[in-house]
Every structure is written in C-alpha cells, then in structure tokens.
C-alpha cells in the first residue's frame, strides 16, 4: 500500500459535486494538496471523475473549483478524491487555504 506524502488536514467544509450520474452536495472531511475525503449521499463509482467546488467563507465567497477530481476509493457514503486537474489560479488558492490550516485548528464551518 502506498503511503500518503501530503499531510491531510481535518476539515468540515461543504462541497458541490458535478459529474455523472447527477450533481449533488457533500461534506469534505479532510484535505491535502493532492486530494480529499468527502461524505455524500450520491452513489459514486471508483474511477469516475468529478468537478468539485470547495466552499469556504474565508475565500471571498468564491469556491475553489477543482476541474478534475478522480474517485480513488469509496466506502459506504465516503469517498477519496485525487486532484488530477486544477488550474494554476485555483491551485494557488488551495495552497493558501492549506497554509492557513497548517497554522492550527480553525472553527468548524458545517455540521458533520
């Protein structure tokens, strides 16, 4: 089994997912520079690709848009995404958010 190289930060952020079969919402449970875990009621298959909008109030109310998020695992209603396509501006915003998370805990923004 491959070990993760990036630290995962525990979070509780709302997300919007769009892909096949239908768009929906979820709750991000953890986040790193290369991926995240999400809880959702959607029926999502391993290997599918989704666009993910990370919603965080400190981001000027403009979500971080991850154009290509590949589903690497699913279990019950949880899934792991790898960020495989993210434009430079969105990547910079993601890195800024993770830098803030690395400084220490922040208030939980959504209920699990």
PDB file of N, CA and C in Angstrom:
ATOM      1  N   UNK A   1       0.841  -1.180   0.000  1.00  0.00           N
ATOM      2  CA  UNK A   1       0.000   0.000   0.000  1.00  0.00           C
ATOM      3  C   UNK A   1       0.888   1.246   0.000  1.00  0.00           C
ATOM      4  N   UNK A   2       0.550   2.208  -0.833  1.00  0.00           N
ATOM      5  CA  UNK A   2       1.326   3.444  -0.914  1.00  0.00           C
ATOM      6  C   UNK A   2       0.950   4.358   0.240  1.00  0.00           C
ATOM      7  N   UNK A   3       1.949   4.953   0.856  1.00  0.00           N
ATOM      8  CA  UNK A   3       1.708   5.890   1.961  1.00  0.00           C
ATOM      9  C   UNK A   3       1.533   7.289   1.386  1.00  0.00           C
ATOM     10  N   UNK A   4       0.679   8.064   2.038  1.00  0.00           N
ATOM     11  CA  UNK A   4       0.467   9.447   1.603  1.00  0.00           C
ATOM     12  C   UNK A   4       1.707  10.275   1.870  1.00  0.00           C
ATOM     13  N   UNK A   5       1.980  11.179   0.961  1.00  0.00           N
ATOM     14  CA  UNK A   5       3.134  12.064   1.118  1.00  0.00           C
ATOM     15  C   UNK A   5       2.735  13.426   1.668  1.00  0.00           C
ATOM     16  N   UNK A   6       1.473  13.788   1.514  1.00  0.00           N
ATOM     17  CA  UNK A   6       0.999  15.084   1.983  1.00  0.00           C
ATOM     18  C   UNK A   6       0.158  14.911   3.237  1.00  0.00           C
ATOM     19  N   UNK A   7       0.304  15.860   4.148  1.00  0.00           N
ATOM     20  CA  UNK A   7      -0.491  15.850   5.375  1.00  0.00           C
ATOM     21  C   UNK A   7      -1.946  16.144   5.030  1.00  0.00           C
ATOM     22  N   UNK A   8      -2.830  15.385   5.627  1.00  0.00           N
ATOM     23  CA  UNK A   8      -4.263  15.628   5.483  1.00  0.00           C
ATOM     24  C   UNK A   8      -4.729  16.446   6.681  1.00  0.00           C
ATOM     25  N   UNK A   9      -5.453  17.510   6.404  1.00  0.00           N
ATOM     26  CA  UNK A   9      -5.983  18.386   7.450  1.00  0.00           C
ATOM     27  C   UNK A   9      -7.464  18.063   7.638  1.00  0.00           C
ATOM     28  N   UNK A  10      -7.848  17.816   8.884  1.00  0.00           N
ATOM     29  CA  UNK A  10      -9.253  17.556   9.166  1.00  0.00           C
ATOM     30  C   UNK A  10     -10.039  18.849   8.986  1.00  0.00           C
ATOM     31  N   UNK A  11     -11.120  18.783   8.220  1.00  0.00           N
ATOM     32  CA  UNK A  11     -11.970  19.944   7.940  1.00  0.00           C
ATOM     33  C   UNK A  11     -13.427  19.482   7.931  1.00  0.00           C
ATOM     34  N   UNK A  12     -14.309  20.406   7.879  1.00  0.00           N
ATOM     35  CA  UNK A  12     -15.735  20.157   7.677  1.00  0.00           C
ATOM     36  C   UNK A  12     -16.250  21.275   6.784  1.00  0.00           C
ATOM     37  N   UNK A  13     -16.038  21.124   5.473  1.00  0.00           N
ATOM     38  CA  UNK A  13     -16.446  22.146   4.508  1.00  0.00           C
ATOM     39  C   UNK A  13     -17.512  21.585   3.574  1.00  0.00           C
ATOM     40  N   UNK A  14     -18.533  22.370   3.286  1.00  0.00           N
ATOM     41  CA  UNK A  14     -19.497  21.929   2.283  1.00  0.00           C
ATOM     42  C   UNK A  14     -18.845  21.923   0.901  1.00  0.00           C
ATOM     43  N   UNK A  15     -19.248  20.962   0.073  1.00  0.00           N
ATOM     44  CA  UNK A  15     -18.769  20.882  -1.308  1.00  0.00           C
ATOM     45  C   UNK A  15     -19.953  20.628  -2.227  1.00  0.00           C
ATOM     46  N   UNK A  16     -19.790  21.055  -3.472  1.00  0.00           N
ATOM     47  CA  UNK A  16     -20.737  20.717  -4.535  1.00  0.00           C
ATOM     48  C   UNK A  16     -19.994  19.854  -5.534  1.00  0.00           C
ATOM     49  N   UNK A  17     -20.628  18.781  -5.950  1.00  0.00           N
ATOM     50  CA  UNK A  17     -20.032  17.844  -6.888  1.00  0.00           C
ATOM     51  C   UNK A  17     -20.851  17.838  -8.169  1.00  0.00           C
ATOM     52  N   UNK A  18     -20.177  17.847  -9.305  1.00  0.00           N
ATOM     53  CA  UNK A  18     -20.895  17.687 -10.567  1.00  0.00           C
ATOM     54  C   UNK A  18     -20.179  16.655 -11.404  1.00  0.00           C
ATOM     55  N   UNK A  19     -20.973  15.765 -11.957  1.00  0.00           N
ATOM     56  CA  UNK A  19     -20.453  14.677 -12.763  1.00  0.00           C
ATOM     57  C   UNK A  19     -21.590  13.734 -13.106  1.00  0.00           C
ATOM     58  N   UNK A  20     -21.233  12.533 -13.526  1.00  0.00           N
ATOM     59  CA  UNK A  20     -22.215  11.552 -13.925  1.00  0.00           C
ATOM     60  C   UNK A  20     -22.405  10.556 -12.795  1.00  0.00           C
ATOM     61  N   UNK A  21     -23.567  10.291 -12.281  1.00  0.00           N
ATOM     62  CA  UNK A  21     -24.842  10.431 -12.955  1.00  0.00           C
ATOM     63  C   UNK A  21     -25.568  11.761 -12.706  1.00  0.00           C
ATOM     64  N   UNK A  22     -25.302  12.456 -11.602  1.00  0.00           N
ATOM     65  CA  UNK A  22     -26.035  13.691 -11.315  1.00  0.00           C
ATOM     66  C   UNK A  22     -25.241  14.536 -10.342  1.00  0.00           C
ATOM     67  N   UNK A  23     -25.467  15.847 -10.362  1.00  0.00           N
ATOM     68  CA  UNK A  23     -24.782  16.704  -9.389  1.00  0.00           C
ATOM     69  C   UNK A  23     -25.355  16.499  -7.990  1.00  0.00           C
ATOM     70  N   UNK A  24     -24.585  16.939  -7.005  1.00  0.00           N
ATOM     71  CA  UNK A  24     -25.056  16.832  -5.637  1.00  0.00           C
ATOM     72  C   UNK A  24     -24.135  17.566  -4.686  1.00  0.00           C
ATOM     73  N   UNK A  25     -24.354  17.341  -3.418  1.00  0.00           N
ATOM     74  CA  UNK A  25     -23.584  18.022  -2.386  1.00  0.00           C
ATOM     75  C   UNK A  25     -22.951  17.007  -1.456  1.00  0.00           C
ATOM     76  N   UNK A  26     -21.989  17.479  -0.699  1.00  0.00           N
ATOM     77  CA  UNK A  26     -21.337  16.626   0.269  1.00  0.00           C
ATOM     78  C   UNK A  26     -20.644  17.452   1.326  1.00  0.00           C
ATOM     79  N   UNK A  27     -19.917  16.765   2.184  1.00  0.00           N
ATOM     80  CA  UNK A  27     -19.160  17.406   3.250  1.00  0.00           C
ATOM     81  C   UNK A  27     -17.724  16.915   3.173  1.00  0.00           C
ATOM     82  N   UNK A  28     -16.791  17.837   2.986  1.00  0.00           N
ATOM     83  CA  UNK A  28     -15.376  17.475   2.949  1.00  0.00           C
ATOM     84  C   UNK A  28     -14.917  17.181   4.366  1.00  0.00           C
ATOM     85  N   UNK A  29     -14.260  16.032   4.541  1.00  0.00           N
ATOM     86  CA  UNK A  29     -13.824  15.581   5.862  1.00  0.00           C
ATOM     87  C   UNK A  29     -12.353  15.849   6.114  1.00  0.00           C
ATOM     88  N   UNK A  30     -11.533  15.782   5.054  1.00  0.00           N
ATOM     89  CA  UNK A  30     -10.118  16.132   5.179  1.00  0.00           C
ATOM     90  C   UNK A  30      -9.619  16.617   3.837  1.00  0.00           C
ATOM     91  N   UNK A  31      -8.471  17.312   3.869  1.00  0.00           N
ATOM     92  CA  UNK A  31      -7.965  17.998   2.688  1.00  0.00           C
ATOM     93  C   UNK A  31      -6.452  18.014   2.701  1.00  0.00           C
ATOM     94  N   UNK A  32      -5.860  17.774   1.528  1.00  0.00           N
ATOM     95  CA  UNK A  32      -4.419  17.933   1.337  1.00  0.00           C
ATOM     96  C   UNK A  32      -4.216  18.637  -0.006  1.00  0.00           C
ATOM     97  N   UNK A  33      -2.976  18.841  -0.369  1.00  0.00           N
ATOM     98  CA  UNK A  33      -2.686  19.495  -1.649  1.00  0.00           C
ATOM     99  C   UNK A  33      -3.049  18.616  -2.837  1.00  0.00           C
ATOM    100  N   UNK A  34      -3.173  17.315  -2.620  1.00  0.00           N
ATOM    101  CA  UNK A  34      -3.423  16.396  -3.735  1.00  0.00           C
ATOM    102  C   UNK A  34      -4.776  15.706  -3.704  1.00  0.00           C
ATOM    103  N   UNK A  35      -5.562  15.914  -2.633  1.00  0.00           N
ATOM    104  CA  UNK A  35      -6.847  15.238  -2.588  1.00  0.00           C
ATOM    105  C   UNK A  35      -7.613  15.511  -1.318  1.00  0.00           C
ATOM    106  N   UNK A  36      -8.720  14.780  -1.173  1.00  0.00           N
ATOM    107  CA  UNK A  36      -9.586  14.970  -0.007  1.00  0.00           C
ATOM    108  C   UNK A  36     -10.473  13.754   0.178  1.00  0.00           C
ATOM    109  N   UNK A  37     -11.136  13.702   1.315  1.00  0.00           N
ATOM    110  CA  UNK A  37     -12.187  12.722   1.578  1.00  0.00           C
ATOM    111  C   UNK A  37     -13.492  13.489   1.740  1.00  0.00           C
ATOM    112  N   UNK A  38     -14.550  12.906   1.203  1.00  0.00           N
ATOM    113  CA  UNK A  38     -15.867  13.549   1.216  1.00  0.00           C
ATOM    114  C   UNK A  38     -16.917  12.538   1.636  1.00  0.00           C
ATOM    115  N   UNK A  39     -17.911  13.013   2.388  1.00  0.00           N
ATOM    116  CA  UNK A  39     -19.109  12.231   2.699  1.00  0.00           C
ATOM    117  C   UNK A  39     -20.235  12.805   1.847  1.00  0.00           C
ATOM    118  N   UNK A  40     -20.960  11.925   1.148  1.00  0.00           N
ATOM    119  CA  UNK A  40     -22.057  12.376   0.293  1.00  0.00           C
ATOM    120  C   UNK A  40     -23.117  11.290   0.187  1.00  0.00           C
ATOM    121  N   UNK A  41     -24.339  11.693  -0.084  1.00  0.00           N
ATOM    122  CA  UNK A  41     -25.428  10.741  -0.300  1.00  0.00           C
ATOM    123  C   UNK A  41     -25.449  10.238  -1.743  1.00  0.00           C
ATOM    124  N   UNK A  42     -24.628  10.833  -2.616  1.00  0.00           N
ATOM    125  CA  UNK A  42     -24.584  10.419  -4.021  1.00  0.00           C
ATOM    126  C   UNK A  42     -24.032   9.003  -4.147  1.00  0.00           C
ATOM    127  N   UNK A  43     -24.478   8.301  -5.163  1.00  0.00           N
ATOM    128  CA  UNK A  43     -23.965   6.969  -5.478  1.00  0.00           C
ATOM    129  C   UNK A  43     -22.837   7.154  -6.499  1.00  0.00           C
ATOM    130  N   UNK A  44     -21.594   7.105  -6.027  1.00  0.00           N
ATOM    131  CA  UNK A  44     -20.427   7.430  -6.861  1.00  0.00           C
ATOM    132  C   UNK A  44     -19.549   6.192  -7.009  1.00  0.00           C
ATOM    133  N   UNK A  45     -19.059   5.976  -8.220  1.00  0.00           N
ATOM    134  CA  UNK A  45     -18.235   4.800  -8.509  1.00  0.00           C
ATOM    135  C   UNK A  45     -16.743   5.127  -8.481  1.00  0.00           C
ATOM    136  N   UNK A  46     -15.946   4.143  -8.042  1.00  0.00           N
ATOM    137  CA  UNK A  46     -14.485   4.262  -8.131  1.00  0.00           C
ATOM    138  C   UNK A  46     -14.098   4.530  -9.582  1.00  0.00           C
ATOM    139  N   UNK A  47     -13.104   5.379  -9.776  1.00  0.00           N
ATOM    140  CA  UNK A  47     -12.592   5.657 -11.115  1.00  0.00           C
ATOM    141  C   UNK A  47     -13.337   6.740 -11.859  1.00  0.00           C
ATOM    142  N   UNK A  48     -14.457   7.222 -11.328  1.00  0.00           N
ATOM    143  CA  UNK A  48     -15.188   8.295 -12.015  1.00  0.00           C
ATOM    144  C   UNK A  48     -14.506   9.632 -11.748  1.00  0.00           C
ATOM    145  N   UNK A  49     -14.820  10.627 -12.575  1.00  0.00           N
ATOM    146  CA  UNK A  49     -14.233  11.960 -12.460  1.00  0.00           C
ATOM    147  C   UNK A  49     -15.330  12.977 -12.193  1.00  0.00           C
ATOM    148  N   UNK A  50     -15.022  13.906 -11.301  1.00  0.00           N
ATOM    149  CA  UNK A  50     -15.993  14.902 -10.865  1.00  0.00           C
ATOM    150  C   UNK A  50     -15.355  16.279 -10.824  1.00  0.00           C
ATOM    151  N   UNK A  51     -16.178  17.292 -11.031  1.00  0.00           N
ATOM    152  CA  UNK A  51     -15.782  18.663 -10.731  1.00  0.00           C
ATOM    153  C   UNK A  51     -16.263  18.931  -9.314  1.00  0.00           C
ATOM    154  N   UNK A  52     -15.375  19.498  -8.505  1.00  0.00           N
ATOM    155  CA  UNK A  52     -15.669  19.715  -7.094  1.00  0.00           C
ATOM    156  C   UNK A  52     -15.515  21.189  -6.764  1.00  0.00           C
ATOM    157  N   UNK A  53     -16.512  21.764  -6.122  1.00  0.00           N
ATOM    158  CA  UNK A  53     -16.448  23.145  -5.649  1.00  0.00           C
ATOM    159  C   UNK A  53     -16.311  23.126  -4.137  1.00  0.00           C
ATOM    160  N   UNK A  54     -15.188  23.608  -3.632  1.00  0.00           N
ATOM    161  CA  UNK A  54     -14.927  23.707  -2.199  1.00  0.00           C
ATOM    162  C   UNK A  54     -15.412  25.065  -1.725  1.00  0.00           C
ATOM    163  N   UNK A  55     -16.351  25.045  -0.802  1.00  0.00           N
ATOM    164  CA  UNK A  55     -16.983  26.277  -0.334  1.00  0.00           C
ATOM    165  C   UNK A  55     -16.438  26.625   1.044  1.00  0.00           C
ATOM    166  N   UNK A  56     -15.773  27.773   1.141  1.00  0.00           N
ATOM    167  CA  UNK A  56     -15.179  28.211   2.405  1.00  0.00           C
ATOM    168  C   UNK A  56     -15.413  29.716   2.532  1.00  0.00           C
ATOM    169  N   UNK A  57     -16.058  30.167   3.603  1.00  0.00           N
ATOM    170  CA  UNK A  57     -16.394  31.588   3.743  1.00  0.00           C
ATOM    171  C   UNK A  57     -15.193  32.528   3.669  1.00  0.00           C
ATOM    172  N   UNK A  58     -14.019  32.072   4.045  1.00  0.00           N
ATOM    173  CA  UNK A  58     -12.845  32.942   4.021  1.00  0.00           C
ATOM    174  C   UNK A  58     -12.289  33.124   2.613  1.00  0.00           C
ATOM    175  N   UNK A  59     -12.874  32.472   1.624  1.00  0.00           N
ATOM    176  CA  UNK A  59     -12.361  32.539   0.255  1.00  0.00           C
ATOM    177  C   UNK A  59     -13.137  33.536  -0.590  1.00  0.00           C
ATOM    178  N   UNK A  60     -13.529  34.643  -0.011  1.00  0.00           N
ATOM    179  CA  UNK A  60     -14.254  35.699  -0.716  1.00  0.00           C
ATOM    180  C   UNK A  60     -15.561  35.194  -1.317  1.00  0.00           C
ATOM    181  N   UNK A  61     -16.118  34.166  -0.700  1.00  0.00           N
ATOM    182  CA  UNK A  61     -17.381  33.574  -1.151  1.00  0.00           C
ATOM    183  C   UNK A  61     -17.290  32.980  -2.557  1.00  0.00           C
ATOM    184  N   UNK A  62     -16.093  32.861  -3.100  1.00  0.00           N
ATOM    185  CA  UNK A  62     -15.889  32.219  -4.400  1.00  0.00           C
ATOM    186  C   UNK A  62     -15.268  30.852  -4.139  1.00  0.00           C
ATOM    187  N   UNK A  63     -15.971  29.770  -4.474  1.00  0.00           N
ATOM    188  CA  UNK A  63     -15.443  28.437  -4.189  1.00  0.00           C
ATOM    189  C   UNK A  63     -14.154  28.145  -4.963  1.00  0.00           C
ATOM    190  N   UNK A  64     -13.344  27.252  -4.431  1.00  0.00           N
ATOM    191  CA  UNK A  64     -12.206  26.723  -5.178  1.00  0.00           C
ATOM    192  C   UNK A  64     -12.767  25.649  -6.096  1.00  0.00           C
ATOM    193  N   UNK A  65     -12.472  25.758  -7.390  1.00  0.00           N
ATOM    194  CA  UNK A  65     -13.010  24.822  -8.372  1.00  0.00           C
ATOM    195  C   UNK A  65     -11.927  23.838  -8.799  1.00  0.00           C
ATOM    196  N   UNK A  66     -12.171  22.571  -8.516  1.00  0.00           N
ATOM    197  CA  UNK A  66     -11.267  21.504  -8.920  1.00  0.00           C
ATOM    198  C   UNK A  66     -11.919  20.815 -10.109  1.00  0.00           C
ATOM    199  N   UNK A  67     -11.395  21.095 -11.307  1.00  0.00           N
ATOM    200  CA  UNK A  67     -12.000  20.597 -12.547  1.00  0.00           C
ATOM    201  C   UNK A  67     -11.944  19.084 -12.664  1.00  0.00           C
ATOM    202  N   UNK A  68     -10.842  18.489 -12.254  1.00  0.00           N
ATOM    203  CA  UNK A  68     -10.695  17.049 -12.401  1.00  0.00           C
ATOM    204  C   UNK A  68     -10.359  16.405 -11.079  1.00  0.00           C
ATOM    205  N   UNK A  69     -11.341  15.780 -10.460  1.00  0.00           N
ATOM    206  CA  UNK A  69     -11.133  15.060  -9.202  1.00  0.00           C
ATOM    207  C   UNK A  69     -11.504  13.599  -9.452  1.00  0.00           C
ATOM    208  N   UNK A  70     -10.513  12.721  -9.364  1.00  0.00           N
ATOM    209  CA  UNK A  70     -10.722  11.304  -9.630  1.00  0.00           C
ATOM    210  C   UNK A  70     -11.072  10.564  -8.347  1.00  0.00           C
ATOM    211  N   UNK A  71     -12.121   9.751  -8.398  1.00  0.00           N
ATOM    212  CA  UNK A  71     -12.516   8.945  -7.243  1.00  0.00           C
ATOM    213  C   UNK A  71     -11.559   7.766  -7.148  1.00  0.00           C
ATOM    214  N   UNK A  72     -10.809   7.702  -6.053  1.00  0.00           N
ATOM    215  CA  UNK A  72      -9.824   6.634  -5.850  1.00  0.00           C
ATOM    216  C   UNK A  72     -10.335   5.519  -4.945  1.00  0.00           C
ATOM    217  N   UNK A  73     -11.316   5.828  -4.086  1.00  0.00           N
ATOM    218  CA  UNK A  73     -11.919   4.800  -3.250  1.00  0.00           C
ATOM    219  C   UNK A  73     -13.295   5.259  -2.792  1.00  0.00           C
ATOM    220  N   UNK A  74     -14.151   4.309  -2.495  1.00  0.00           N
ATOM    221  CA  UNK A  74     -15.462   4.578  -1.902  1.00  0.00           C
ATOM    222  C   UNK A  74     -15.715   3.555  -0.801  1.00  0.00           C
ATOM    223  N   UNK A  75     -16.405   4.002   0.233  1.00  0.00           N
ATOM    224  CA  UNK A  75     -16.811   3.103   1.313  1.00  0.00           C
ATOM    225  C   UNK A  75     -18.052   3.708   1.953  1.00  0.00           C
ATOM    226  N   UNK A  76     -19.143   2.959   1.909  1.00  0.00           N
ATOM    227  CA  UNK A  76     -20.432   3.464   2.361  1.00  0.00           C
ATOM    228  C   UNK A  76     -20.718   4.754   1.598  1.00  0.00           C
ATOM    229  N   UNK A  77     -20.879   5.861   2.278  1.00  0.00           N
ATOM    230  CA  UNK A  77     -21.117   7.138   1.582  1.00  0.00           C
ATOM    231  C   UNK A  77     -19.912   8.061   1.683  1.00  0.00           C
ATOM    232  N   UNK A  78     -18.746   7.493   1.908  1.00  0.00           N
ATOM    233  CA  UNK A  78     -17.496   8.260   1.931  1.00  0.00           C
ATOM    234  C   UNK A  78     -16.692   7.933   0.682  1.00  0.00           C
ATOM    235  N   UNK A  79     -15.909   8.903   0.221  1.00  0.00           N
ATOM    236  CA  UNK A  79     -15.069   8.662  -0.948  1.00  0.00           C
ATOM    237  C   UNK A  79     -13.797   9.472  -0.849  1.00  0.00           C
ATOM    238  N   UNK A  80     -12.773   8.989  -1.530  1.00  0.00           N
ATOM    239  CA  UNK A  80     -11.494   9.680  -1.594  1.00  0.00           C
ATOM    240  C   UNK A  80     -11.269  10.211  -2.987  1.00  0.00           C
ATOM    241  N   UNK A  81     -10.947  11.481  -3.095  1.00  0.00           N
ATOM    242  CA  UNK A  81     -10.688  12.115  -4.384  1.00  0.00           C
ATOM    243  C   UNK A  81      -9.221  12.483  -4.502  1.00  0.00           C
ATOM    244  N   UNK A  82      -8.669  12.290  -5.688  1.00  0.00           N
ATOM    245  CA  UNK A  82      -7.344  12.796  -6.029  1.00  0.00           C
ATOM    246  C   UNK A  82      -7.542  13.946  -7.004  1.00  0.00           C
ATOM    247  N   UNK A  83      -6.896  15.061  -6.726  1.00  0.00           N
ATOM    248  CA  UNK A  83      -6.996  16.219  -7.611  1.00  0.00           C
ATOM    249  C   UNK A  83      -6.048  16.014  -8.787  1.00  0.00           C
ATOM    250  N   UNK A  84      -6.599  15.691  -9.951  1.00  0.00           N
ATOM    251  CA  UNK A  84      -5.755  15.416 -11.109  1.00  0.00           C
ATOM    252  C   UNK A  84      -5.708  16.573 -12.103  1.00  0.00           C
ATOM    253  N   UNK A  85      -6.670  17.469 -12.027  1.00  0.00           N
ATOM    254  CA  UNK A  85      -6.658  18.647 -12.901  1.00  0.00           C
ATOM    255  C   UNK A  85      -7.167  19.856 -12.129  1.00  0.00           C
ATOM    256  N   UNK A  86      -6.280  20.838 -11.988  1.00  0.00           N
ATOM    257  CA  UNK A  86      -6.582  22.033 -11.208  1.00  0.00           C
ATOM    258  C   UNK A  86      -5.782  23.171 -11.832  1.00  0.00           C
ATOM    259  N   UNK A  87      -6.469  24.209 -12.318  1.00  0.00           N
ATOM    260  CA  UNK A  87      -5.712  25.279 -12.983  1.00  0.00           C
ATOM    261  C   UNK A  87      -4.861  26.058 -11.977  1.00  0.00           C
ATOM    262  N   UNK A  88      -3.888  26.796 -12.484  1.00  0.00           N
ATOM    263  CA  UNK A  88      -2.875  27.442 -11.639  1.00  0.00           C
ATOM    264  C   UNK A  88      -3.493  28.385 -10.604  1.00  0.00           C
ATOM    265  N   UNK A  89      -4.472  29.171 -10.994  1.00  0.00           N
ATOM    266  CA  UNK A  89      -5.095  30.111 -10.058  1.00  0.00           C
ATOM    267  C   UNK A  89      -5.828  29.400  -8.933  1.00  0.00           C
ATOM    268  N   UNK A  90      -6.537  28.326  -9.269  1.00  0.00           N
ATOM    269  CA  UNK A  90      -7.253  27.554  -8.252  1.00  0.00           C
ATOM    270  C   UNK A  90      -6.265  26.818  -7.353  1.00  0.00           C
ATOM    271  N   UNK A  91      -5.177  26.301  -7.929  1.00  0.00           N
ATOM    272  CA  UNK A  91      -4.151  25.619  -7.129  1.00  0.00           C
ATOM    273  C   UNK A  91      -3.540  26.589  -6.118  1.00  0.00           C
ATOM    274  N   UNK A  92      -3.290  27.833  -6.543  1.00  0.00           N
ATOM    275  CA  UNK A  92      -2.732  28.842  -5.633  1.00  0.00           C
ATOM    276  C   UNK A  92      -3.682  29.103  -4.469  1.00  0.00           C
ATOM    277  N   UNK A  93      -4.972  29.199  -4.760  1.00  0.00           N
ATOM    278  CA  UNK A  93      -5.968  29.413  -3.702  1.00  0.00           C
ATOM    279  C   UNK A  93      -6.019  28.217  -2.747  1.00  0.00           C
ATOM    280  N   UNK A  94      -5.927  26.996  -3.306  1.00  0.00           N
ATOM    281  CA  UNK A  94      -5.915  25.797  -2.484  1.00  0.00           C
ATOM    282  C   UNK A  94      -4.689  25.778  -1.569  1.00  0.00           C
ATOM    283  N   UNK A  95      -3.530  26.109  -2.111  1.00  0.00           N
ATOM    284  CA  UNK A  95      -2.302  26.137  -1.309  1.00  0.00           C
ATOM    285  C   UNK A  95      -2.378  27.183  -0.202  1.00  0.00           C
ATOM    286  N   UNK A  96      -2.990  28.333  -0.479  1.00  0.00           N
ATOM    287  CA  UNK A  96      -3.163  29.361   0.553  1.00  0.00           C
ATOM    288  C   UNK A  96      -4.056  28.849   1.685  1.00  0.00           C
ATOM    289  N   UNK A  97      -5.139  28.161   1.334  1.00  0.00           N
ATOM    290  CA  UNK A  97      -6.025  27.608   2.351  1.00  0.00           C
ATOM    291  C   UNK A  97      -5.299  26.565   3.190  1.00  0.00           C
ATOM    292  N   UNK A  98      -4.546  25.700   2.553  1.00  0.00           N
ATOM    293  CA  UNK A  98      -3.820  24.656   3.285  1.00  0.00           C
ATOM    294  C   UNK A  98      -2.744  25.271   4.184  1.00  0.00           C
ATOM    295  N   UNK A  99      -2.121  26.354   3.748  1.00  0.00           N
ATOM    296  CA  UNK A  99      -1.141  27.044   4.596  1.00  0.00           C
ATOM    297  C   UNK A  99      -1.816  27.560   5.863  1.00  0.00           C
ATOM    298  N   UNK A 100      -3.030  28.070   5.741  1.00  0.00           N
ATOM    299  CA  UNK A 100      -3.777  28.530   6.910  1.00  0.00           C
ATOM    300  C   UNK A 100      -4.108  27.340   7.815  1.00  0.00           C
ATOM    301  N   UNK A 101      -4.531  26.233   7.234  1.00  0.00           N
ATOM    302  CA  UNK A 101      -4.853  25.042   8.022  1.00  0.00           C
ATOM    303  C   UNK A 101      -3.628  24.520   8.771  1.00  0.00           C
ATOM    304  N   UNK A 102      -2.468  24.633   8.159  1.00  0.00           N
ATOM    305  CA  UNK A 102      -1.234  24.138   8.775  1.00  0.00           C
ATOM    306  C   UNK A 102      -0.856  24.942  10.019  1.00  0.00           C
ATOM    307  N   UNK A 103      -1.392  26.159  10.141  1.00  0.00           N
ATOM    308  CA  UNK A 103      -1.087  27.002  11.307  1.00  0.00           C
ATOM    309  C   UNK A 103      -1.817  26.550  12.562  1.00  0.00           C
ATOM    310  N   UNK A 104      -2.848  25.740  12.405  1.00  0.00           N
ATOM    311  CA  UNK A 104      -3.560  25.269  13.588  1.00  0.00           C
ATOM    312  C   UNK A 104      -5.038  25.139  13.334  1.00  0.00           C
ATOM    313  N   UNK A 105      -5.768  24.718  14.350  1.00  0.00           N
ATOM    314  CA  UNK A 105      -7.205  24.477  14.180  1.00  0.00           C
ATOM    315  C   UNK A 105      -7.968  25.752  13.886  1.00  0.00           C
ATOM    316  N   UNK A 106      -9.051  25.572  13.157  1.00  0.00           N
ATOM    317  CA  UNK A 106      -9.956  26.681  12.879  1.00  0.00           C
ATOM    318  C   UNK A 106     -11.357  26.247  13.253  1.00  0.00           C
ATOM    319  N   UNK A 107     -12.289  27.160  13.357  1.00  0.00           N
ATOM    320  CA  UNK A 107     -13.658  26.774  13.710  1.00  0.00           C
ATOM    321  C   UNK A 107     -14.253  25.843  12.673  1.00  0.00           C
ATOM    322  N   UNK A 108     -15.078  24.920  13.117  1.00  0.00           N
ATOM    323  CA  UNK A 108     -15.790  24.032  12.204  1.00  0.00           C
ATOM    324  C   UNK A 108     -16.899  24.845  11.544  1.00  0.00           C
ATOM    325  N   UNK A 109     -16.996  24.726  10.202  1.00  0.00           N
ATOM    326  CA  UNK A 109     -17.921  25.571   9.461  1.00  0.00           C
ATOM    327  C   UNK A 109     -19.233  24.888   9.090  1.00  0.00           C
ATOM    328  N   UNK A 110     -19.285  23.575   9.209  1.00  0.00           N
ATOM    329  CA  UNK A 110     -20.510  22.851   8.881  1.00  0.00           C
ATOM    330  C   UNK A 110     -20.628  21.659   9.820  1.00  0.00           C
ATOM    331  N   UNK A 111     -21.832  21.215  10.016  1.00  0.00           N
ATOM    332  CA  UNK A 111     -22.054  20.050  10.880  1.00  0.00           C
ATOM    333  C   UNK A 111     -21.735  18.768  10.121  1.00  0.00           C
ATOM    334  N   UNK A 112     -21.116  17.788  10.805  1.00  0.00           N
ATOM    335  CA  UNK A 112     -20.818  16.509  10.126  1.00  0.00           C
ATOM    336  C   UNK A 112     -22.067  15.744   9.784  1.00  0.00           C
TER     337      UNK A 112
END
